[in-house]
C-alpha cells in the first residue's frame, strides 16, 4: 500500500486518524438516519473510501455501531460536564442540559434508539448501563446542589429520584407511547423536565422554574 513508503509512526498516526474519522462519520449518519438504515456502503460512500477499508478497522457493522455509540455517549458526557462546570443554579443547569440534548437529537423522525434496541440489543444494553451511570451521577450532583441552594426540597430521596429521572428520560423515547407524529422530541423533553422539577422544587425553586418555562407552560 502507498503509505508503507512512509515511516511506521506516520502510518500508525494515519490509521488512527482514519479510524477516528470512520467512527465520527458513522455516528453522524447513525444519529441522522438510524442504526439499521445506514449501511457500510453508505458510510464508505460518504467518506469517499472503500468498504474494505472500513472492514480493516471494524470486522463487523456491529463493532462499528458499538464504537460509534460509545463515541456519542462520550460526546454527551463531555458536553454535560462542561455545563456542570459553569456552576449555574441547579434548575438553569437542567435546562441547559436539555437544550444541549436537543442539538444532538435534531428532532428527526427515525429513532436511532429504537433501531439500536431492536437490531443491536447487546450494544443497546451496554449503552444503557453506561448511560445510567453517567446520568445518575449528574442528577445526584444536581439534586445536592439544588438542595444546598434551597431550590429543591431537603427530603428528596436522592438514589430513587436520580433513577426515576433516568427511567423517565428513557421512557419518553418510546415511540409506541409517544409517537413522533404526535410528540416532538423538544416537546417531550420540556414536558418531562417540568414534570420532574415540579415534583421536587421549593417555593423559591418554583419562582426560578416559572421564569424558564415557555409562556404557554406557565401555570397560575
Protein backbone atom coordinates (compact mmCIF):
# COMPACT_ATOMS: atom_id res chain seq x y z
CA UNK A 1 0.00 0.00 0.00
CA UNK A 2 1.19 3.53 -0.77
CA UNK A 3 1.50 4.65 2.86
CA UNK A 4 4.01 1.87 3.61
CA UNK A 5 6.60 4.10 1.96
CA UNK A 6 6.37 6.42 4.97
CA UNK A 7 7.95 5.85 8.42
CA UNK A 8 5.95 3.46 10.62
CA UNK A 9 4.91 6.12 13.15
CA UNK A 10 3.37 8.22 10.36
CA UNK A 11 1.47 5.16 9.13
CA UNK A 12 0.17 4.46 12.65
CA UNK A 13 -0.97 8.06 13.11
CA UNK A 14 -2.68 7.99 9.72
CA UNK A 15 -4.53 4.78 10.54
CA UNK A 16 -5.58 6.06 13.97
CA UNK A 17 -6.93 9.28 12.47
CA UNK A 18 -8.74 7.33 9.75
CA UNK A 19 -10.33 5.03 12.33
CA UNK A 20 -11.47 8.02 14.40
CA UNK A 21 -12.91 9.66 11.28
CA UNK A 22 -14.83 6.49 10.40
CA UNK A 23 -16.33 6.45 13.91
CA UNK A 24 -17.20 10.15 13.71
CA UNK A 25 -18.86 9.94 10.27
CA UNK A 26 -20.67 6.72 11.15
CA UNK A 27 -22.01 8.26 14.37
CA UNK A 28 -23.39 11.26 12.46
CA UNK A 29 -25.11 9.03 9.92
CA UNK A 30 -26.49 6.70 12.58
CA UNK A 31 -27.94 9.62 14.55
CA UNK A 32 -29.50 11.20 11.47
CA UNK A 33 -30.79 8.10 9.69
CA UNK A 34 -30.81 5.26 12.23
CA UNK A 35 -28.51 2.36 13.04
CA UNK A 36 -30.33 -0.17 10.84
CA UNK A 37 -30.94 2.19 7.94
CA UNK A 38 -27.28 3.14 7.39
CA UNK A 39 -25.17 0.52 5.61
CA UNK A 40 -21.40 0.11 5.44
CA UNK A 41 -21.70 1.13 1.78
CA UNK A 42 -23.36 4.39 2.86
CA UNK A 43 -20.50 5.17 5.24
CA UNK A 44 -17.86 4.30 2.64
CA UNK A 45 -19.60 6.48 0.04
CA UNK A 46 -19.88 9.40 2.49
CA UNK A 47 -16.16 9.19 3.25
CA UNK A 48 -15.01 8.51 -0.28
CA UNK A 49 -13.21 5.30 0.71
CA UNK A 50 -13.77 1.62 0.01
CA UNK A 51 -15.93 -0.59 2.20
CA UNK A 52 -12.89 -2.87 2.51
CA UNK A 53 -11.00 -0.07 4.26
CA UNK A 54 -13.75 0.24 6.86
CA UNK A 55 -13.75 -3.52 7.43
CA UNK A 56 -9.98 -3.37 8.02
CA UNK A 57 -10.74 -1.34 11.16
CA UNK A 58 -14.10 -2.86 12.11
CA UNK A 59 -14.62 -6.52 11.18
CA UNK A 60 -18.42 -6.24 11.52
CA UNK A 61 -21.01 -3.49 11.41
CA UNK A 62 -21.95 -4.36 14.99
CA UNK A 63 -18.45 -3.43 16.17
CA UNK A 64 -18.68 -0.11 14.33
CA UNK A 65 -22.12 0.51 15.84
CA UNK A 66 -20.69 -0.15 19.31
CA UNK A 67 -17.71 2.16 18.76
CA UNK A 68 -19.99 4.88 17.36
CA UNK A 69 -22.47 4.71 20.23
CA UNK A 70 -19.68 4.92 22.80
CA UNK A 71 -18.31 7.91 20.88
CA UNK A 72 -21.73 9.58 21.01
CA UNK A 73 -22.01 8.84 24.73
CA UNK A 74 -18.54 10.30 25.31
CA UNK A 75 -19.52 13.49 23.46
CA UNK A 76 -22.68 13.79 25.54
CA UNK A 77 -20.69 13.21 28.74
CA UNK A 78 -18.18 15.93 27.85
CA UNK A 79 -20.95 18.37 26.94
CA UNK A 80 -22.81 17.78 30.19
CA UNK A 81 -19.60 18.10 32.20
CA UNK A 82 -18.89 21.44 30.54
CA UNK A 83 -22.35 22.69 31.52
CA UNK A 84 -21.96 21.49 35.11
CA UNK A 85 -18.57 23.22 35.42
CA UNK A 86 -20.24 26.56 34.65
CA UNK A 87 -21.70 26.36 38.19
CA UNK A 88 -25.12 27.81 37.38
CA UNK A 89 -28.03 27.15 39.71
CA UNK A 90 -29.43 23.63 39.57
CA UNK A 91 -32.62 24.44 37.66
CA UNK A 92 -30.88 26.51 34.98
CA UNK A 93 -28.32 23.71 34.69
CA UNK A 94 -31.03 21.16 33.82
CA UNK A 95 -32.50 23.44 31.17
CA UNK A 96 -29.04 23.97 29.65
CA UNK A 97 -28.54 20.19 29.55
CA UNK A 98 -31.96 19.81 27.90
CA UNK A 99 -31.02 22.35 25.22
CA UNK A 100 -27.71 20.57 24.69
CA UNK A 101 -29.52 17.25 24.26
CA UNK A 102 -31.87 18.78 21.69
CA UNK A 103 -28.92 19.74 19.47
CA UNK A 104 -27.91 16.08 19.37
CA UNK A 105 -31.41 14.68 18.86
CA UNK A 106 -32.12 17.02 15.93
CA UNK A 107 -35.82 16.17 16.24
CA UNK A 108 -35.55 13.54 13.49
CA UNK A 109 -38.42 11.20 12.64
CA UNK A 110 -36.38 7.98 12.66
CA UNK A 111 -35.49 6.98 16.20
CA UNK A 112 -31.86 5.81 16.47
CA UNK A 113 -32.57 4.43 19.95
CA UNK A 114 -35.46 2.29 18.70
CA UNK A 115 -33.33 0.77 15.92
CA UNK A 116 -30.40 0.23 18.29
CA UNK A 117 -32.62 -1.62 20.76
CA UNK A 118 -34.30 -3.74 18.08
CA UNK A 119 -31.35 -4.68 15.89
CA UNK A 120 -28.35 -4.37 18.23
CA UNK A 121 -29.68 -5.35 21.68
CA UNK A 122 -26.26 -6.17 23.19
CA UNK A 123 -24.91 -2.76 22.20
CA UNK A 124 -28.12 -1.13 23.44
CA UNK A 125 -27.77 -2.80 26.86
CA UNK A 126 -24.13 -1.69 27.10
CA UNK A 127 -25.09 1.88 26.26
CA UNK A 128 -27.97 1.81 28.74
CA UNK A 129 -25.63 0.66 31.52
CA UNK A 130 -23.07 3.38 30.80
CA UNK A 131 -25.76 5.99 30.27
CA UNK A 132 -27.39 5.12 33.60
CA UNK A 133 -24.09 5.56 35.44
CA UNK A 134 -23.48 8.89 33.71
CA UNK A 135 -26.99 10.25 34.22
CA UNK A 136 -27.33 9.07 37.81
CA UNK A 137 -24.07 10.74 38.81
CA UNK A 138 -25.07 14.00 37.13
CA UNK A 139 -28.59 14.02 38.57
CA UNK A 140 -27.40 13.28 42.11
CA UNK A 141 -24.95 16.19 41.88
CA UNK A 142 -27.74 18.39 40.56
CA UNK A 143 -30.10 17.36 43.37
CA UNK A 144 -27.48 18.06 46.03
CA UNK A 145 -26.74 21.46 44.50
CA UNK A 146 -30.46 22.32 44.37
CA UNK A 147 -30.98 21.26 47.99
CA UNK A 148 -27.99 23.31 49.12
CA UNK A 149 -29.36 26.40 47.34
CA UNK A 150 -32.85 25.73 48.74
CA UNK A 151 -34.29 25.32 45.26
CA UNK A 152 -35.16 21.65 45.89
CA UNK A 153 -36.82 20.09 48.92
CA UNK A 154 -34.49 18.70 51.59
CA UNK A 155 -36.40 15.41 51.88
CA UNK A 156 -35.76 14.20 48.32
CA UNK A 157 -34.65 10.52 48.20
CA UNK A 158 -31.53 11.01 46.08
CA UNK A 159 -30.99 7.49 44.77
CA UNK A 160 -34.66 6.91 43.90
CA UNK A 161 -35.11 10.35 42.29
CA UNK A 162 -31.98 10.03 40.15
CA UNK A 163 -33.03 6.59 38.89
CA UNK A 164 -36.65 7.53 38.24
CA UNK A 165 -35.37 10.54 36.29
CA UNK A 166 -33.31 8.22 34.09
CA UNK A 167 -36.20 5.79 33.62
CA UNK A 168 -38.46 8.69 32.67
CA UNK A 169 -35.95 10.08 30.18
CA UNK A 170 -35.71 6.67 28.52
CA UNK A 171 -39.47 6.20 28.67
CA UNK A 172 -40.35 9.34 26.71
CA UNK A 173 -38.25 7.99 23.82
CA UNK A 174 -40.60 5.02 23.47
CA UNK A 175 -42.32 5.66 20.15
CA UNK A 176 -45.16 3.25 20.98
CA UNK A 177 -46.38 5.51 23.78
CA UNK A 178 -45.06 8.79 22.37
CA UNK A 179 -45.17 8.60 18.55
CA UNK A 180 -43.14 11.31 16.85
CA UNK A 181 -46.10 12.13 14.63
CA UNK A 182 -47.83 13.44 17.75
CA UNK A 183 -44.97 14.45 20.08
CA UNK A 184 -41.78 16.22 19.08
CA UNK A 185 -38.57 15.45 20.97
CA UNK A 186 -38.42 19.04 22.17
CA UNK A 187 -41.99 18.94 23.49
CA UNK A 188 -41.36 15.65 25.28
CA UNK A 189 -38.15 16.88 26.92
CA UNK A 190 -39.73 20.15 28.04
CA UNK A 191 -42.81 18.42 29.45
CA UNK A 192 -40.75 15.80 31.27
CA UNK A 193 -38.35 18.36 32.71
CA UNK A 194 -41.24 20.44 34.02
CA UNK A 195 -42.87 17.28 35.44
CA UNK A 196 -39.61 16.31 37.20
CA UNK A 197 -38.90 19.74 38.63
CA UNK A 198 -42.42 20.47 39.88
CA UNK A 199 -42.16 17.31 41.97
CA UNK A 200 -39.03 18.45 43.82
CA UNK A 201 -38.82 22.26 43.89
CA UNK A 202 -39.42 24.53 46.86
CA UNK A 203 -41.37 27.78 46.57
CA UNK A 204 -38.09 29.52 45.81
CA UNK A 205 -37.34 26.95 43.14
CA UNK A 206 -40.81 27.30 41.64
CA UNK A 207 -40.19 31.01 41.03
CA UNK A 208 -37.00 30.19 39.15
CA UNK A 209 -38.74 27.44 37.20
CA UNK A 210 -41.60 29.75 36.19
CA UNK A 211 -39.18 32.23 34.62
CA UNK A 212 -37.62 29.48 32.49
CA UNK A 213 -40.77 27.84 31.20
CA UNK A 214 -42.33 28.86 27.90
CA UNK A 215 -45.29 31.26 28.37
CA UNK A 216 -47.68 28.54 27.19
CA UNK A 217 -46.50 26.32 30.02
CA UNK A 218 -46.93 28.82 32.84
CA UNK A 219 -49.40 27.77 35.47
CA UNK A 220 -51.38 30.02 37.77
